[in-house]
Amino acid sequence: MNILIFLAIGAVAGWLAGTIMKGGGSGLLMNIVIGVIGAVLGGVLFGLLGIKTGGLIGEIVTATVGAVLLLFIIGKVKGK
């Protein structure tokens, strides 16, 4: 059950990040991938900054911040 919740958080975070960065999501599978990688990146970033979040909303915020950062980095690498 935890993996389903993790994937759902990844999908929501990926969609939110896509909406924030370029005005739309990237499809369910890509949103999940972006959100899951973003969750890891956001967790590391928040850990380094000493920011602690809790609960479902905190996990979504952490994953979304990480996913936005990931999309920003990808955009810079691609030259957009």
PDB file of N, CA and C in Angstrom:
ATOM      1  N   MET A   1       0.821  -1.195   0.000  1.00  0.00           N
ATOM      2  CA  MET A   1       0.000   0.000   0.000  1.00  0.00           C
ATOM      3  C   MET A   1       0.864   1.257   0.000  1.00  0.00           C
ATOM      4  N   ASN A   2       1.992   1.226   0.699  1.00  0.00           N
ATOM      5  CA  ASN A   2       2.863   2.397   0.749  1.00  0.00           C
ATOM      6  C   ASN A   2       3.404   2.773  -0.622  1.00  0.00           C
ATOM      7  N   ILE A   3       3.691   1.785  -1.456  1.00  0.00           N
ATOM      8  CA  ILE A   3       4.224   2.078  -2.787  1.00  0.00           C
ATOM      9  C   ILE A   3       3.172   2.790  -3.631  1.00  0.00           C
ATOM     10  N   LEU A   4       1.907   2.438  -3.455  1.00  0.00           N
ATOM     11  CA  LEU A   4       0.837   3.110  -4.192  1.00  0.00           C
ATOM     12  C   LEU A   4       0.706   4.567  -3.766  1.00  0.00           C
ATOM     13  N   ILE A   5       0.833   4.820  -2.485  1.00  0.00           N
ATOM     14  CA  ILE A   5       0.777   6.194  -1.980  1.00  0.00           C
ATOM     15  C   ILE A   5       1.983   6.981  -2.506  1.00  0.00           C
ATOM     16  N   PHE A   6       3.158   6.352  -2.493  1.00  0.00           N
ATOM     17  CA  PHE A   6       4.374   6.995  -2.993  1.00  0.00           C
ATOM     18  C   PHE A   6       4.224   7.344  -4.476  1.00  0.00           C
ATOM     19  N   LEU A   7       3.675   6.437  -5.269  1.00  0.00           N
ATOM     20  CA  LEU A   7       3.464   6.697  -6.692  1.00  0.00           C
ATOM     21  C   LEU A   7       2.418   7.784  -6.914  1.00  0.00           C
ATOM     22  N   ALA A   8       1.372   7.794  -6.082  1.00  0.00           N
ATOM     23  CA  ALA A   8       0.347   8.831  -6.201  1.00  0.00           C
ATOM     24  C   ALA A   8       0.935  10.206  -5.868  1.00  0.00           C
ATOM     25  N   ILE A   9       1.753  10.265  -4.831  1.00  0.00           N
ATOM     26  CA  ILE A   9       2.419  11.528  -4.478  1.00  0.00           C
ATOM     27  C   ILE A   9       3.335  11.957  -5.619  1.00  0.00           C
ATOM     28  N   GLY A  10       4.050  11.009  -6.209  1.00  0.00           N
ATOM     29  CA  GLY A  10       4.912  11.316  -7.348  1.00  0.00           C
ATOM     30  C   GLY A  10       4.124  11.859  -8.525  1.00  0.00           C
ATOM     31  N   ALA A  11       2.963  11.266  -8.795  1.00  0.00           N
ATOM     32  CA  ALA A  11       2.130  11.728  -9.913  1.00  0.00           C
ATOM     33  C   ALA A  11       1.633  13.152  -9.669  1.00  0.00           C
ATOM     34  N   VAL A  12       1.169  13.416  -8.466  1.00  0.00           N
ATOM     35  CA  VAL A  12       0.675  14.759  -8.127  1.00  0.00           C
ATOM     36  C   VAL A  12       1.817  15.770  -8.186  1.00  0.00           C
ATOM     37  N   ALA A  13       2.955  15.429  -7.590  1.00  0.00           N
ATOM     38  CA  ALA A  13       4.095  16.345  -7.575  1.00  0.00           C
ATOM     39  C   ALA A  13       4.617  16.598  -8.988  1.00  0.00           C
ATOM     40  N   GLY A  14       4.688  15.563  -9.810  1.00  0.00           N
ATOM     41  CA  GLY A  14       5.137  15.730 -11.185  1.00  0.00           C
ATOM     42  C   GLY A  14       4.203  16.610 -11.987  1.00  0.00           C
ATOM     43  N   TRP A  15       2.898  16.413 -11.788  1.00  0.00           N
ATOM     44  CA  TRP A  15       1.910  17.243 -12.487  1.00  0.00           C
ATOM     45  C   TRP A  15       2.003  18.702 -12.026  1.00  0.00           C
ATOM     46  N   LEU A  16       2.098  18.911 -10.718  1.00  0.00           N
ATOM     47  CA  LEU A  16       2.220  20.266 -10.188  1.00  0.00           C
ATOM     48  C   LEU A  16       3.483  20.951 -10.708  1.00  0.00           C
ATOM     49  N   ALA A  17       4.594  20.235 -10.692  1.00  0.00           N
ATOM     50  CA  ALA A  17       5.851  20.814 -11.170  1.00  0.00           C
ATOM     51  C   ALA A  17       5.764  21.147 -12.654  1.00  0.00           C
ATOM     52  N   GLY A  18       5.164  20.258 -13.441  1.00  0.00           N
ATOM     53  CA  GLY A  18       4.995  20.525 -14.865  1.00  0.00           C
ATOM     54  C   GLY A  18       4.123  21.737 -15.103  1.00  0.00           C
ATOM     55  N   THR A  19       3.088  21.877 -14.305  1.00  0.00           N
ATOM     56  CA  THR A  19       2.194  23.025 -14.418  1.00  0.00           C
ATOM     57  C   THR A  19       2.913  24.320 -14.030  1.00  0.00           C
ATOM     58  N   ILE A  20       3.695  24.263 -12.982  1.00  0.00           N
ATOM     59  CA  ILE A  20       4.427  25.449 -12.525  1.00  0.00           C
ATOM     60  C   ILE A  20       5.493  25.854 -13.533  1.00  0.00           C
ATOM     61  N   MET A  21       6.210  24.901 -14.073  1.00  0.00           N
ATOM     62  CA  MET A  21       7.363  25.212 -14.920  1.00  0.00           C
ATOM     63  C   MET A  21       7.018  25.473 -16.383  1.00  0.00           C
ATOM     64  N   LYS A  22       6.004  24.809 -16.905  1.00  0.00           N
ATOM     65  CA  LYS A  22       5.748  24.988 -18.334  1.00  0.00           C
ATOM     66  C   LYS A  22       4.278  25.037 -18.701  1.00  0.00           C
ATOM     67  N   GLY A  23       3.416  25.047 -17.734  1.00  0.00           N
ATOM     68  CA  GLY A  23       2.002  25.213 -18.022  1.00  0.00           C
ATOM     69  C   GLY A  23       1.215  23.947 -18.257  1.00  0.00           C
ATOM     70  N   GLY A  24       1.776  22.773 -18.009  1.00  0.00           N
ATOM     71  CA  GLY A  24       1.031  21.536 -18.186  1.00  0.00           C
ATOM     72  C   GLY A  24       1.825  20.336 -17.736  1.00  0.00           C
ATOM     73  N   GLY A  25       1.131  19.232 -17.507  1.00  0.00           N
ATOM     74  CA  GLY A  25       1.794  17.999 -17.105  1.00  0.00           C
ATOM     75  C   GLY A  25       2.429  17.312 -18.297  1.00  0.00           C
ATOM     76  N   SER A  26       3.074  16.182 -18.035  1.00  0.00           N
ATOM     77  CA  SER A  26       3.803  15.467 -19.078  1.00  0.00           C
ATOM     78  C   SER A  26       3.252  14.068 -19.323  1.00  0.00           C
ATOM     79  N   GLY A  27       2.035  13.807 -18.914  1.00  0.00           N
ATOM     80  CA  GLY A  27       1.493  12.456 -18.997  1.00  0.00           C
ATOM     81  C   GLY A  27       1.711  11.734 -17.681  1.00  0.00           C
ATOM     82  N   LEU A  28       0.862  10.773 -17.385  1.00  0.00           N
ATOM     83  CA  LEU A  28       0.870  10.120 -16.081  1.00  0.00           C
ATOM     84  C   LEU A  28       2.212   9.466 -15.763  1.00  0.00           C
ATOM     85  N   LEU A  29       2.746   8.668 -16.665  1.00  0.00           N
ATOM     86  CA  LEU A  29       3.989   7.957 -16.379  1.00  0.00           C
ATOM     87  C   LEU A  29       5.148   8.926 -16.162  1.00  0.00           C
ATOM     88  N   MET A  30       5.272   9.914 -17.024  1.00  0.00           N
ATOM     89  CA  MET A  30       6.361  10.876 -16.878  1.00  0.00           C
ATOM     90  C   MET A  30       6.172  11.721 -15.623  1.00  0.00           C
ATOM     91  N   ASN A  31       4.933  12.083 -15.290  1.00  0.00           N
ATOM     92  CA  ASN A  31       4.681  12.814 -14.048  1.00  0.00           C
ATOM     93  C   ASN A  31       5.134  11.998 -12.837  1.00  0.00           C
ATOM     94  N   ILE A  32       4.859  10.697 -12.847  1.00  0.00           N
ATOM     95  CA  ILE A  32       5.281   9.841 -11.735  1.00  0.00           C
ATOM     96  C   ILE A  32       6.796   9.807 -11.646  1.00  0.00           C
ATOM     97  N   VAL A  33       7.471   9.620 -12.773  1.00  0.00           N
ATOM     98  CA  VAL A  33       8.941   9.570 -12.775  1.00  0.00           C
ATOM     99  C   VAL A  33       9.524  10.882 -12.272  1.00  0.00           C
ATOM    100  N   ILE A  34       9.027  11.997 -12.801  1.00  0.00           N
ATOM    101  CA  ILE A  34       9.518  13.313 -12.371  1.00  0.00           C
ATOM    102  C   ILE A  34       9.237  13.529 -10.886  1.00  0.00           C
ATOM    103  N   GLY A  35       8.046  13.153 -10.439  1.00  0.00           N
ATOM    104  CA  GLY A  35       7.679  13.330  -9.033  1.00  0.00           C
ATOM    105  C   GLY A  35       8.495  12.468  -8.087  1.00  0.00           C
ATOM    106  N   VAL A  36       8.768  11.221  -8.467  1.00  0.00           N
ATOM    107  CA  VAL A  36       9.554  10.327  -7.608  1.00  0.00           C
ATOM    108  C   VAL A  36      10.997  10.820  -7.512  1.00  0.00           C
ATOM    109  N   ILE A  37      11.594  11.181  -8.647  1.00  0.00           N
ATOM    110  CA  ILE A  37      12.952  11.729  -8.611  1.00  0.00           C
ATOM    111  C   ILE A  37      12.952  13.053  -7.841  1.00  0.00           C
ATOM    112  N   GLY A  38      11.911  13.854  -8.035  1.00  0.00           N
ATOM    113  CA  GLY A  38      11.776  15.105  -7.304  1.00  0.00           C
ATOM    114  C   GLY A  38      11.645  14.897  -5.808  1.00  0.00           C
ATOM    115  N   ALA A  39      10.964  13.839  -5.403  1.00  0.00           N
ATOM    116  CA  ALA A  39      10.821  13.538  -3.979  1.00  0.00           C
ATOM    117  C   ALA A  39      12.179  13.259  -3.352  1.00  0.00           C
ATOM    118  N   VAL A  40      12.999  12.502  -4.054  1.00  0.00           N
ATOM    119  CA  VAL A  40      14.342  12.215  -3.549  1.00  0.00           C
ATOM    120  C   VAL A  40      15.173  13.500  -3.499  1.00  0.00           C
ATOM    121  N   LEU A  41      15.157  14.253  -4.597  1.00  0.00           N
ATOM    122  CA  LEU A  41      15.910  15.508  -4.668  1.00  0.00           C
ATOM    123  C   LEU A  41      15.423  16.505  -3.617  1.00  0.00           C
ATOM    124  N   GLY A  42      14.104  16.634  -3.475  1.00  0.00           N
ATOM    125  CA  GLY A  42      13.541  17.536  -2.470  1.00  0.00           C
ATOM    126  C   GLY A  42      13.881  17.107  -1.056  1.00  0.00           C
ATOM    127  N   GLY A  43      13.861  15.797  -0.807  1.00  0.00           N
ATOM    128  CA  GLY A  43      14.222  15.287   0.514  1.00  0.00           C
ATOM    129  C   GLY A  43      15.660  15.602   0.877  1.00  0.00           C
ATOM    130  N   VAL A  44      16.563  15.433  -0.090  1.00  0.00           N
ATOM    131  CA  VAL A  44      17.974  15.759   0.141  1.00  0.00           C
ATOM    132  C   VAL A  44      18.137  17.256   0.372  1.00  0.00           C
ATOM    133  N   LEU A  45      17.510  18.060  -0.484  1.00  0.00           N
ATOM    134  CA  LEU A  45      17.613  19.515  -0.366  1.00  0.00           C
ATOM    135  C   LEU A  45      17.061  20.003   0.970  1.00  0.00           C
ATOM    136  N   PHE A  46      15.863  19.544   1.324  1.00  0.00           N
ATOM    137  CA  PHE A  46      15.270  19.967   2.589  1.00  0.00           C
ATOM    138  C   PHE A  46      16.119  19.500   3.774  1.00  0.00           C
ATOM    139  N   GLY A  47      16.702  18.306   3.665  1.00  0.00           N
ATOM    140  CA  GLY A  47      17.573  17.804   4.728  1.00  0.00           C
ATOM    141  C   GLY A  47      18.799  18.683   4.906  1.00  0.00           C
ATOM    142  N   LEU A  48      19.401  19.095   3.793  1.00  0.00           N
ATOM    143  CA  LEU A  48      20.576  19.966   3.868  1.00  0.00           C
ATOM    144  C   LEU A  48      20.238  21.327   4.451  1.00  0.00           C
ATOM    145  N   LEU A  49      19.027  21.805   4.169  1.00  0.00           N
ATOM    146  CA  LEU A  49      18.599  23.107   4.681  1.00  0.00           C
ATOM    147  C   LEU A  49      17.989  23.040   6.078  1.00  0.00           C
ATOM    148  N   GLY A  50      17.822  21.827   6.597  1.00  0.00           N
ATOM    149  CA  GLY A  50      17.254  21.656   7.926  1.00  0.00           C
ATOM    150  C   GLY A  50      15.746  21.867   7.974  1.00  0.00           C
ATOM    151  N   ILE A  51      15.085  21.730   6.845  1.00  0.00           N
ATOM    152  CA  ILE A  51      13.636  21.905   6.779  1.00  0.00           C
ATOM    153  C   ILE A  51      12.970  20.557   7.008  1.00  0.00           C
ATOM    154  N   LYS A  52      12.019  20.521   7.919  1.00  0.00           N
ATOM    155  CA  LYS A  52      11.300  19.292   8.206  1.00  0.00           C
ATOM    156  C   LYS A  52       9.835  19.463   7.825  1.00  0.00           C
ATOM    157  N   THR A  53       9.296  18.494   7.111  1.00  0.00           N
ATOM    158  CA  THR A  53       7.879  18.513   6.758  1.00  0.00           C
ATOM    159  C   THR A  53       7.255  17.233   7.279  1.00  0.00           C
ATOM    160  N   GLY A  54       5.962  17.275   7.477  1.00  0.00           N
ATOM    161  CA  GLY A  54       5.275  16.097   7.965  1.00  0.00           C
ATOM    162  C   GLY A  54       3.937  15.911   7.278  1.00  0.00           C
ATOM    163  N   GLY A  55       3.484  14.705   7.258  1.00  0.00           N
ATOM    164  CA  GLY A  55       2.176  14.404   6.704  1.00  0.00           C
ATOM    165  C   GLY A  55       2.162  14.365   5.187  1.00  0.00           C
ATOM    166  N   LEU A  56       1.008  14.099   4.667  1.00  0.00           N
ATOM    167  CA  LEU A  56       0.827  13.963   3.225  1.00  0.00           C
ATOM    168  C   LEU A  56       1.116  15.270   2.488  1.00  0.00           C
ATOM    169  N   ILE A  57       0.622  16.379   3.012  1.00  0.00           N
ATOM    170  CA  ILE A  57       0.843  17.674   2.366  1.00  0.00           C
ATOM    171  C   ILE A  57       2.338  18.009   2.359  1.00  0.00           C
ATOM    172  N   GLY A  58       3.023  17.755   3.446  1.00  0.00           N
ATOM    173  CA  GLY A  58       4.463  18.001   3.509  1.00  0.00           C
ATOM    174  C   GLY A  58       5.231  17.169   2.500  1.00  0.00           C
ATOM    175  N   GLU A  59       4.823  15.921   2.310  1.00  0.00           N
ATOM    176  CA  GLU A  59       5.474  15.058   1.328  1.00  0.00           C
ATOM    177  C   GLU A  59       5.224  15.570  -0.093  1.00  0.00           C
ATOM    178  N   ILE A  60       4.018  16.028  -0.352  1.00  0.00           N
ATOM    179  CA  ILE A  60       3.702  16.569  -1.678  1.00  0.00           C
ATOM    180  C   ILE A  60       4.498  17.851  -1.934  1.00  0.00           C
ATOM    181  N   VAL A  61       4.594  18.710  -0.923  1.00  0.00           N
ATOM    182  CA  VAL A  61       5.365  19.954  -1.069  1.00  0.00           C
ATOM    183  C   VAL A  61       6.833  19.635  -1.325  1.00  0.00           C
ATOM    184  N   THR A  62       7.402  18.722  -0.542  1.00  0.00           N
ATOM    185  CA  THR A  62       8.801  18.341  -0.714  1.00  0.00           C
ATOM    186  C   THR A  62       9.050  17.786  -2.111  1.00  0.00           C
ATOM    187  N   ALA A  63       8.196  16.867  -2.550  1.00  0.00           N
ATOM    188  CA  ALA A  63       8.350  16.258  -3.873  1.00  0.00           C
ATOM    189  C   ALA A  63       8.167  17.287  -4.980  1.00  0.00           C
ATOM    190  N   THR A  64       7.222  18.206  -4.798  1.00  0.00           N
ATOM    191  CA  THR A  64       6.968  19.224  -5.824  1.00  0.00           C
ATOM    192  C   THR A  64       8.156  20.179  -5.940  1.00  0.00           C
ATOM    193  N   VAL A  65       8.703  20.616  -4.816  1.00  0.00           N
ATOM    194  CA  VAL A  65       9.876  21.496  -4.848  1.00  0.00           C
ATOM    195  C   VAL A  65      11.042  20.790  -5.551  1.00  0.00           C
ATOM    196  N   GLY A  66      11.257  19.542  -5.218  1.00  0.00           N
ATOM    197  CA  GLY A  66      12.318  18.784  -5.867  1.00  0.00           C
ATOM    198  C   GLY A  66      12.067  18.600  -7.356  1.00  0.00           C
ATOM    199  N   ALA A  67      10.822  18.346  -7.738  1.00  0.00           N
ATOM    200  CA  ALA A  67      10.480  18.157  -9.149  1.00  0.00           C
ATOM    201  C   ALA A  67      10.628  19.460  -9.935  1.00  0.00           C
ATOM    202  N   VAL A  68      10.239  20.579  -9.326  1.00  0.00           N
ATOM    203  CA  VAL A  68      10.432  21.883  -9.979  1.00  0.00           C
ATOM    204  C   VAL A  68      11.921  22.124 -10.193  1.00  0.00           C
ATOM    205  N   LEU A  69      12.731  21.844  -9.187  1.00  0.00           N
ATOM    206  CA  LEU A  69      14.177  22.000  -9.313  1.00  0.00           C
ATOM    207  C   LEU A  69      14.719  21.086 -10.415  1.00  0.00           C
ATOM    208  N   LEU A  70      14.239  19.858 -10.463  1.00  0.00           N
ATOM    209  CA  LEU A  70      14.657  18.921 -11.502  1.00  0.00           C
ATOM    210  C   LEU A  70      14.312  19.448 -12.892  1.00  0.00           C
ATOM    211  N   LEU A  71      13.090  19.919 -13.084  1.00  0.00           N
ATOM    212  CA  LEU A  71      12.686  20.457 -14.385  1.00  0.00           C
ATOM    213  C   LEU A  71      13.477  21.709 -14.742  1.00  0.00           C
ATOM    214  N   PHE A  72      13.797  22.523 -13.751  1.00  0.00           N
ATOM    215  CA  PHE A  72      14.621  23.716 -13.986  1.00  0.00           C
ATOM    216  C   PHE A  72      16.004  23.308 -14.483  1.00  0.00           C
ATOM    217  N   ILE A  73      16.602  22.342 -13.827  1.00  0.00           N
ATOM    218  CA  ILE A  73      17.939  21.867 -14.216  1.00  0.00           C
ATOM    219  C   ILE A  73      17.893  21.262 -15.616  1.00  0.00           C
ATOM    220  N   ILE A  74      16.887  20.450 -15.892  1.00  0.00           N
ATOM    221  CA  ILE A  74      16.751  19.847 -17.222  1.00  0.00           C
ATOM    222  C   ILE A  74      16.600  20.940 -18.280  1.00  0.00           C
ATOM    223  N   GLY A  75      15.803  21.961 -17.975  1.00  0.00           N
ATOM    224  CA  GLY A  75      15.621  23.072 -18.914  1.00  0.00           C
ATOM    225  C   GLY A  75      16.919  23.802 -19.193  1.00  0.00           C
ATOM    226  N   LYS A  76      17.735  24.004 -18.161  1.00  0.00           N
ATOM    227  CA  LYS A  76      19.019  24.691 -18.340  1.00  0.00           C
ATOM    228  C   LYS A  76      19.992  23.839 -19.154  1.00  0.00           C
ATOM    229  N   VAL A  77      19.989  22.534 -18.908  1.00  0.00           N
ATOM    230  CA  VAL A  77      20.875  21.640 -19.654  1.00  0.00           C
ATOM    231  C   VAL A  77      20.480  21.598 -21.126  1.00  0.00           C
ATOM    232  N   LYS A  78      19.185  21.597 -21.384  1.00  0.00           N
ATOM    233  CA  LYS A  78      18.699  21.583 -22.769  1.00  0.00           C
ATOM    234  C   LYS A  78      18.815  22.948 -23.440  1.00  0.00           C
ATOM    235  N   GLY A  79      19.081  23.987 -22.665  1.00  0.00           N
ATOM    236  CA  GLY A  79      19.261  25.324 -23.220  1.00  0.00           C
ATOM    237  C   GLY A  79      17.978  26.105 -23.401  1.00  0.00           C
ATOM    238  N   LYS A  80      16.935  25.760 -22.660  1.00  0.00           N
ATOM    239  CA  LYS A  80      15.659  26.487 -22.766  1.00  0.00           C
ATOM    240  C   LYS A  80      15.609  27.623 -21.792  1.00  0.00           C
TER     241      LYS A  80
END
